Amino acid sequence: MGSFSIWHWLIVLLIVVMVFGTKKLKNMGSDLGGAVKGFKDGMKDGSTADSGAVNPPAGQVANSQAADKTTIDVEAKQKS
């Protein structure tokens, strides 16, 4: 019951082709290829934009003077 033989995969492929048809499978394949290509292009664009600028990690302040201007320290007090 471990792995399937080549005959099992051929039967599954035949059933898939009979259910969906070759035209629909071709369209799904081209749509998937376009999505992968778009993802790769997006990853290339994202890596080139980030490589030039040095951004501090989230949660860390890069410049303490800028933090003093924008940060408000609030102390919560309980009402009596």
PDB file of N, CA and C in Angstrom:
ATOM      1  N   MET A   1       0.826  -1.197   0.000  1.00  0.00           N
ATOM      2  CA  MET A   1       0.000   0.000   0.000  1.00  0.00           C
ATOM      3  C   MET A   1       0.868   1.258   0.000  1.00  0.00           C
ATOM      4  N   GLY A   2       2.177   1.118  -0.100  1.00  0.00           N
ATOM      5  CA  GLY A   2       3.096   2.243  -0.033  1.00  0.00           C
ATOM      6  C   GLY A   2       2.994   3.180  -1.220  1.00  0.00           C
ATOM      7  N   SER A   3       3.797   2.937  -2.239  1.00  0.00           N
ATOM      8  CA  SER A   3       3.806   3.849  -3.390  1.00  0.00           C
ATOM      9  C   SER A   3       2.963   3.283  -4.528  1.00  0.00           C
ATOM     10  N   PHE A   4       2.584   4.183  -5.405  1.00  0.00           N
ATOM     11  CA  PHE A   4       1.784   3.779  -6.557  1.00  0.00           C
ATOM     12  C   PHE A   4       2.695   3.434  -7.721  1.00  0.00           C
ATOM     13  N   SER A   5       2.279   2.506  -8.540  1.00  0.00           N
ATOM     14  CA  SER A   5       3.056   2.155  -9.717  1.00  0.00           C
ATOM     15  C   SER A   5       2.705   3.123 -10.853  1.00  0.00           C
ATOM     16  N   ILE A   6       3.404   2.981 -11.955  1.00  0.00           N
ATOM     17  CA  ILE A   6       3.184   3.837 -13.116  1.00  0.00           C
ATOM     18  C   ILE A   6       1.768   3.630 -13.668  1.00  0.00           C
ATOM     19  N   TRP A   7       1.233   2.425 -13.553  1.00  0.00           N
ATOM     20  CA  TRP A   7      -0.106   2.152 -14.067  1.00  0.00           C
ATOM     21  C   TRP A   7      -1.174   2.903 -13.277  1.00  0.00           C
ATOM     22  N   HIS A   8      -0.979   3.032 -11.983  1.00  0.00           N
ATOM     23  CA  HIS A   8      -1.926   3.809 -11.174  1.00  0.00           C
ATOM     24  C   HIS A   8      -1.947   5.272 -11.625  1.00  0.00           C
ATOM     25  N   TRP A   9      -0.762   5.825 -11.850  1.00  0.00           N
ATOM     26  CA  TRP A   9      -0.677   7.240 -12.264  1.00  0.00           C
ATOM     27  C   TRP A   9      -1.259   7.448 -13.660  1.00  0.00           C
ATOM     28  N   LEU A  10      -1.066   6.482 -14.564  1.00  0.00           N
ATOM     29  CA  LEU A  10      -1.634   6.601 -15.906  1.00  0.00           C
ATOM     30  C   LEU A  10      -3.162   6.558 -15.872  1.00  0.00           C
ATOM     31  N   ILE A  11      -3.716   5.706 -15.026  1.00  0.00           N
ATOM     32  CA  ILE A  11      -5.175   5.645 -14.891  1.00  0.00           C
ATOM     33  C   ILE A  11      -5.710   6.941 -14.314  1.00  0.00           C
ATOM     34  N   VAL A  12      -5.043   7.487 -13.304  1.00  0.00           N
ATOM     35  CA  VAL A  12      -5.465   8.763 -12.719  1.00  0.00           C
ATOM     36  C   VAL A  12      -5.389   9.874 -13.763  1.00  0.00           C
ATOM     37  N   LEU A  13      -4.318   9.915 -14.543  1.00  0.00           N
ATOM     38  CA  LEU A  13      -4.169  10.917 -15.590  1.00  0.00           C
ATOM     39  C   LEU A  13      -5.268  10.781 -16.639  1.00  0.00           C
ATOM     40  N   LEU A  14      -5.589   9.573 -17.024  1.00  0.00           N
ATOM     41  CA  LEU A  14      -6.656   9.348 -17.993  1.00  0.00           C
ATOM     42  C   LEU A  14      -8.007   9.838 -17.459  1.00  0.00           C
ATOM     43  N   ILE A  15      -8.292   9.573 -16.209  1.00  0.00           N
ATOM     44  CA  ILE A  15      -9.560  10.024 -15.615  1.00  0.00           C
ATOM     45  C   ILE A  15      -9.608  11.543 -15.546  1.00  0.00           C
ATOM     46  N   VAL A  16      -8.498  12.179 -15.178  1.00  0.00           N
ATOM     47  CA  VAL A  16      -8.460  13.645 -15.110  1.00  0.00           C
ATOM     48  C   VAL A  16      -8.687  14.252 -16.486  1.00  0.00           C
ATOM     49  N   VAL A  17      -8.064  13.700 -17.505  1.00  0.00           N
ATOM     50  CA  VAL A  17      -8.248  14.209 -18.873  1.00  0.00           C
ATOM     51  C   VAL A  17      -9.683  14.009 -19.323  1.00  0.00           C
ATOM     52  N   MET A  18     -10.288  12.887 -18.969  1.00  0.00           N
ATOM     53  CA  MET A  18     -11.673  12.639 -19.362  1.00  0.00           C
ATOM     54  C   MET A  18     -12.633  13.594 -18.652  1.00  0.00           C
ATOM     55  N   VAL A  19     -12.359  13.913 -17.414  1.00  0.00           N
ATOM     56  CA  VAL A  19     -13.257  14.787 -16.651  1.00  0.00           C
ATOM     57  C   VAL A  19     -13.120  16.239 -17.108  1.00  0.00           C
ATOM     58  N   PHE A  20     -11.885  16.729 -17.177  1.00  0.00           N
ATOM     59  CA  PHE A  20     -11.672  18.154 -17.467  1.00  0.00           C
ATOM     60  C   PHE A  20     -11.531  18.455 -18.943  1.00  0.00           C
ATOM     61  N   GLY A  21     -10.989  17.559 -19.714  1.00  0.00           N
ATOM     62  CA  GLY A  21     -10.741  17.818 -21.127  1.00  0.00           C
ATOM     63  C   GLY A  21      -9.387  18.487 -21.311  1.00  0.00           C
ATOM     64  N   THR A  22      -8.825  18.302 -22.495  1.00  0.00           N
ATOM     65  CA  THR A  22      -7.477  18.816 -22.737  1.00  0.00           C
ATOM     66  C   THR A  22      -7.447  20.337 -22.832  1.00  0.00           C
ATOM     67  N   LYS A  23      -8.500  20.940 -23.350  1.00  0.00           N
ATOM     68  CA  LYS A  23      -8.511  22.399 -23.501  1.00  0.00           C
ATOM     69  C   LYS A  23      -8.509  23.087 -22.135  1.00  0.00           C
ATOM     70  N   LYS A  24      -9.318  22.580 -21.217  1.00  0.00           N
ATOM     71  CA  LYS A  24      -9.387  23.185 -19.891  1.00  0.00           C
ATOM     72  C   LYS A  24      -8.073  22.974 -19.132  1.00  0.00           C
ATOM     73  N   LEU A  25      -7.456  21.800 -19.293  1.00  0.00           N
ATOM     74  CA  LEU A  25      -6.170  21.546 -18.646  1.00  0.00           C
ATOM     75  C   LEU A  25      -5.088  22.465 -19.208  1.00  0.00           C
ATOM     76  N   LYS A  26      -5.137  22.727 -20.522  1.00  0.00           N
ATOM     77  CA  LYS A  26      -4.161  23.624 -21.139  1.00  0.00           C
ATOM     78  C   LYS A  26      -4.328  25.040 -20.584  1.00  0.00           C
ATOM     79  N   ASN A  27      -5.579  25.490 -20.443  1.00  0.00           N
ATOM     80  CA  ASN A  27      -5.833  26.822 -19.897  1.00  0.00           C
ATOM     81  C   ASN A  27      -5.376  26.923 -18.448  1.00  0.00           C
ATOM     82  N   MET A  28      -5.630  25.866 -17.668  1.00  0.00           N
ATOM     83  CA  MET A  28      -5.189  25.892 -16.261  1.00  0.00           C
ATOM     84  C   MET A  28      -3.670  25.927 -16.180  1.00  0.00           C
ATOM     85  N   GLY A  29      -2.997  25.197 -17.077  1.00  0.00           N
ATOM     86  CA  GLY A  29      -1.537  25.189 -17.082  1.00  0.00           C
ATOM     87  C   GLY A  29      -0.959  26.547 -17.441  1.00  0.00           C
ATOM     88  N   SER A  30      -1.549  27.208 -18.422  1.00  0.00           N
ATOM     89  CA  SER A  30      -1.035  28.524 -18.811  1.00  0.00           C
ATOM     90  C   SER A  30      -1.337  29.563 -17.734  1.00  0.00           C
ATOM     91  N   ASP A  31      -2.487  29.448 -17.062  1.00  0.00           N
ATOM     92  CA  ASP A  31      -2.800  30.359 -15.962  1.00  0.00           C
ATOM     93  C   ASP A  31      -1.824  30.173 -14.803  1.00  0.00           C
ATOM     94  N   LEU A  32      -1.512  28.926 -14.496  1.00  0.00           N
ATOM     95  CA  LEU A  32      -0.563  28.641 -13.426  1.00  0.00           C
ATOM     96  C   LEU A  32       0.827  29.155 -13.787  1.00  0.00           C
ATOM     97  N   GLY A  33       1.232  28.964 -15.037  1.00  0.00           N
ATOM     98  CA  GLY A  33       2.534  29.472 -15.478  1.00  0.00           C
ATOM     99  C   GLY A  33       2.601  30.986 -15.411  1.00  0.00           C
ATOM    100  N   GLY A  34       1.523  31.662 -15.780  1.00  0.00           N
ATOM    101  CA  GLY A  34       1.490  33.124 -15.691  1.00  0.00           C
ATOM    102  C   GLY A  34       1.548  33.609 -14.256  1.00  0.00           C
ATOM    103  N   ALA A  35       0.890  32.878 -13.363  1.00  0.00           N
ATOM    104  CA  ALA A  35       0.919  33.254 -11.951  1.00  0.00           C
ATOM    105  C   ALA A  35       2.321  33.090 -11.369  1.00  0.00           C
ATOM    106  N   VAL A  36       2.990  32.008 -11.731  1.00  0.00           N
ATOM    107  CA  VAL A  36       4.356  31.782 -11.244  1.00  0.00           C
ATOM    108  C   VAL A  36       5.295  32.852 -11.796  1.00  0.00           C
ATOM    109  N   LYS A  37       5.137  33.200 -13.059  1.00  0.00           N
ATOM    110  CA  LYS A  37       5.982  34.234 -13.663  1.00  0.00           C
ATOM    111  C   LYS A  37       5.744  35.590 -12.989  1.00  0.00           C
ATOM    112  N   GLY A  38       4.479  35.912 -12.726  1.00  0.00           N
ATOM    113  CA  GLY A  38       4.170  37.159 -12.032  1.00  0.00           C
ATOM    114  C   GLY A  38       4.741  37.184 -10.630  1.00  0.00           C
ATOM    115  N   PHE A  39       4.706  36.049  -9.935  1.00  0.00           N
ATOM    116  CA  PHE A  39       5.273  35.963  -8.597  1.00  0.00           C
ATOM    117  C   PHE A  39       6.779  36.177  -8.629  1.00  0.00           C
ATOM    118  N   LYS A  40       7.460  35.546  -9.592  1.00  0.00           N
ATOM    119  CA  LYS A  40       8.909  35.716  -9.705  1.00  0.00           C
ATOM    120  C   LYS A  40       9.266  37.163 -10.022  1.00  0.00           C
ATOM    121  N   ASP A  41       8.514  37.812 -10.917  1.00  0.00           N
ATOM    122  CA  ASP A  41       8.770  39.215 -11.249  1.00  0.00           C
ATOM    123  C   ASP A  41       8.544  40.099 -10.028  1.00  0.00           C
ATOM    124  N   GLY A  42       7.522  39.798  -9.252  1.00  0.00           N
ATOM    125  CA  GLY A  42       7.262  40.561  -8.036  1.00  0.00           C
ATOM    126  C   GLY A  42       8.367  40.404  -7.015  1.00  0.00           C
ATOM    127  N   MET A  43       8.920  39.210  -6.918  1.00  0.00           N
ATOM    128  CA  MET A  43      10.019  38.975  -5.983  1.00  0.00           C
ATOM    129  C   MET A  43      11.279  39.705  -6.430  1.00  0.00           C
ATOM    130  N   LYS A  44      11.515  39.765  -7.743  1.00  0.00           N
ATOM    131  CA  LYS A  44      12.678  40.496  -8.250  1.00  0.00           C
ATOM    132  C   LYS A  44      12.537  41.987  -7.966  1.00  0.00           C
ATOM    133  N   ASP A  45      11.353  42.545  -8.221  1.00  0.00           N
ATOM    134  CA  ASP A  45      11.117  43.967  -7.979  1.00  0.00           C
ATOM    135  C   ASP A  45      11.230  44.300  -6.506  1.00  0.00           C
ATOM    136  N   GLY A  46      10.746  43.452  -5.648  1.00  0.00           N
ATOM    137  CA  GLY A  46      10.806  43.689  -4.213  1.00  0.00           C
ATOM    138  C   GLY A  46      12.217  43.620  -3.677  1.00  0.00           C
ATOM    139  N   SER A  47      13.040  42.716  -4.202  1.00  0.00           N
ATOM    140  CA  SER A  47      14.403  42.574  -3.692  1.00  0.00           C
ATOM    141  C   SER A  47      15.292  43.720  -4.165  1.00  0.00           C
ATOM    142  N   THR A  48      15.080  44.270  -5.364  1.00  0.00           N
ATOM    143  CA  THR A  48      15.907  45.363  -5.838  1.00  0.00           C
ATOM    144  C   THR A  48      15.549  46.660  -5.126  1.00  0.00           C
ATOM    145  N   ALA A  49      14.306  46.843  -4.759  1.00  0.00           N
ATOM    146  CA  ALA A  49      13.907  48.065  -4.066  1.00  0.00           C
ATOM    147  C   ALA A  49      14.423  48.063  -2.639  1.00  0.00           C
ATOM    148  N   ASP A  50      14.460  46.903  -1.991  1.00  0.00           N
ATOM    149  CA  ASP A  50      14.893  46.834  -0.604  1.00  0.00           C
ATOM    150  C   ASP A  50      16.406  46.786  -0.464  1.00  0.00           C
ATOM    151  N   SER A  51      17.134  46.368  -1.488  1.00  0.00           N
ATOM    152  CA  SER A  51      18.574  46.204  -1.354  1.00  0.00           C
ATOM    153  C   SER A  51      19.290  47.547  -1.263  1.00  0.00           C
ATOM    154  N   GLY A  52      18.755  48.606  -1.836  1.00  0.00           N
ATOM    155  CA  GLY A  52      19.418  49.901  -1.792  1.00  0.00           C
ATOM    156  C   GLY A  52      19.206  50.632  -0.485  1.00  0.00           C
ATOM    157  N   ALA A  53      18.097  50.477   0.151  1.00  0.00           N
ATOM    158  CA  ALA A  53      17.788  51.185   1.389  1.00  0.00           C
ATOM    159  C   ALA A  53      17.977  50.254   2.571  1.00  0.00           C
ATOM    160  N   VAL A  54      18.566  50.813   3.624  1.00  0.00           N
ATOM    161  CA  VAL A  54      18.758  50.052   4.843  1.00  0.00           C
ATOM    162  C   VAL A  54      17.634  50.424   5.796  1.00  0.00           C
ATOM    163  N   ASN A  55      16.754  49.490   6.059  1.00  0.00           N
ATOM    164  CA  ASN A  55      15.630  49.722   6.950  1.00  0.00           C
ATOM    165  C   ASN A  55      15.896  49.039   8.279  1.00  0.00           C
ATOM    166  N   PRO A  56      15.647  49.709   9.396  1.00  0.00           N
ATOM    167  CA  PRO A  56      15.848  49.052  10.682  1.00  0.00           C
ATOM    168  C   PRO A  56      14.776  47.990  10.894  1.00  0.00           C
ATOM    169  N   PRO A  57      15.077  46.976  11.668  1.00  0.00           N
ATOM    170  CA  PRO A  57      14.070  45.949  11.939  1.00  0.00           C
ATOM    171  C   PRO A  57      12.867  46.548  12.660  1.00  0.00           C
ATOM    172  N   ALA A  58      11.721  45.928  12.501  1.00  0.00           N
ATOM    173  CA  ALA A  58      10.506  46.428  13.137  1.00  0.00           C
ATOM    174  C   ALA A  58      10.662  46.407  14.646  1.00  0.00           C
ATOM    175  N   GLY A  59      10.192  47.464  15.285  1.00  0.00           N
ATOM    176  CA  GLY A  59      10.245  47.528  16.734  1.00  0.00           C
ATOM    177  C   GLY A  59      11.470  48.255  17.263  1.00  0.00           C
ATOM    178  N   GLN A  60      12.409  48.602  16.394  1.00  0.00           N
ATOM    179  CA  GLN A  60      13.594  49.313  16.827  1.00  0.00           C
ATOM    180  C   GLN A  60      13.567  50.720  16.256  1.00  0.00           C
ATOM    181  N   VAL A  61      14.051  51.670  17.039  1.00  0.00           N
ATOM    182  CA  VAL A  61      14.071  53.068  16.624  1.00  0.00           C
ATOM    183  C   VAL A  61      15.456  53.377  16.080  1.00  0.00           C
ATOM    184  N   ALA A  62      15.505  53.937  14.854  1.00  0.00           N
ATOM    185  CA  ALA A  62      16.781  54.217  14.209  1.00  0.00           C
ATOM    186  C   ALA A  62      17.390  55.521  14.721  1.00  0.00           C
ATOM    187  N   ASN A  63      16.567  56.530  14.967  1.00  0.00           N
ATOM    188  CA  ASN A  63      17.071  57.824  15.382  1.00  0.00           C
ATOM    189  C   ASN A  63      16.310  58.245  16.640  1.00  0.00           C
ATOM    190  N   SER A  64      17.031  58.473  17.731  1.00  0.00           N
ATOM    191  CA  SER A  64      16.353  58.766  18.996  1.00  0.00           C
ATOM    192  C   SER A  64      15.714  60.151  18.979  1.00  0.00           C
ATOM    193  N   GLN A  65      16.270  61.124  18.213  1.00  0.00           N
ATOM    194  CA  GLN A  65      15.670  62.452  18.155  1.00  0.00           C
ATOM    195  C   GLN A  65      14.311  62.403  17.460  1.00  0.00           C
ATOM    196  N   ALA A  66      14.199  61.620  16.416  1.00  0.00           N
ATOM    197  CA  ALA A  66      12.928  61.485  15.722  1.00  0.00           C
ATOM    198  C   ALA A  66      11.914  60.788  16.628  1.00  0.00           C
ATOM    199  N   ALA A  67      12.383  59.866  17.439  1.00  0.00           N
ATOM    200  CA  ALA A  67      11.483  59.162  18.342  1.00  0.00           C
ATOM    201  C   ALA A  67      10.975  60.102  19.433  1.00  0.00           C
ATOM    202  N   ASP A  68      11.815  61.049  19.876  1.00  0.00           N
ATOM    203  CA  ASP A  68      11.387  61.984  20.919  1.00  0.00           C
ATOM    204  C   ASP A  68      10.281  62.902  20.416  1.00  0.00           C
ATOM    205  N   LYS A  69      10.307  63.251  19.151  1.00  0.00           N
ATOM    206  CA  LYS A  69       9.301  64.146  18.598  1.00  0.00           C
ATOM    207  C   LYS A  69       7.960  63.460  18.393  1.00  0.00           C
ATOM    208  N   THR A  70       7.981  62.186  18.055  1.00  0.00           N
ATOM    209  CA  THR A  70       6.741  61.515  17.702  1.00  0.00           C
ATOM    210  C   THR A  70       6.208  60.589  18.793  1.00  0.00           C
ATOM    211  N   THR A  71       7.028  60.242  19.775  1.00  0.00           N
ATOM    212  CA  THR A  71       6.602  59.305  20.797  1.00  0.00           C
ATOM    213  C   THR A  71       5.991  60.044  21.978  1.00  0.00           C
ATOM    214  N   ILE A  72       4.851  59.578  22.425  1.00  0.00           N
ATOM    215  CA  ILE A  72       4.192  60.154  23.593  1.00  0.00           C
ATOM    216  C   ILE A  72       4.168  59.099  24.680  1.00  0.00           C
ATOM    217  N   ASP A  73       4.719  59.433  25.832  1.00  0.00           N
ATOM    218  CA  ASP A  73       4.745  58.513  26.953  1.00  0.00           C
ATOM    219  C   ASP A  73       3.519  58.769  27.823  1.00  0.00           C
ATOM    220  N   VAL A  74       2.683  57.792  27.960  1.00  0.00           N
ATOM    221  CA  VAL A  74       1.449  57.932  28.725  1.00  0.00           C
ATOM    222  C   VAL A  74       1.496  56.933  29.873  1.00  0.00           C
ATOM    223  N   GLU A  75       1.221  57.444  31.072  1.00  0.00           N
ATOM    224  CA  GLU A  75       1.188  56.562  32.237  1.00  0.00           C
ATOM    225  C   GLU A  75      -0.276  56.379  32.652  1.00  0.00           C
ATOM    226  N   ALA A  76      -0.679  55.154  32.720  1.00  0.00           N
ATOM    227  CA  ALA A  76      -2.074  54.870  33.089  1.00  0.00           C
ATOM    228  C   ALA A  76      -2.212  54.950  34.605  1.00  0.00           C
ATOM    229  N   LYS A  77      -3.243  55.657  35.035  1.00  0.00           N
ATOM    230  CA  LYS A  77      -3.531  55.787  36.469  1.00  0.00           C
ATOM    231  C   LYS A  77      -4.911  55.233  36.738  1.00  0.00           C
ATOM    232  N   GLN A  78      -5.063  54.598  37.881  1.00  0.00           N
ATOM    233  CA  GLN A  78      -6.365  54.070  38.254  1.00  0.00           C
ATOM    234  C   GLN A  78      -7.193  55.160  38.916  1.00  0.00           C
ATOM    235  N   LYS A  79      -8.490  55.120  38.649  1.00  0.00           N
ATOM    236  CA  LYS A  79      -9.380  56.077  39.271  1.00  0.00           C
ATOM    237  C   LYS A  79      -9.723  55.579  40.681  1.00  0.00           C
ATOM    238  N   SER A  80      -9.780  56.515  41.617  1.00  0.00           N
ATOM    239  CA  SER A  80     -10.105  56.127  43.001  1.00  0.00           C
ATOM    240  C   SER A  80     -11.575  56.171  43.260  1.00  0.00           C
TER     241      SER A  80
END
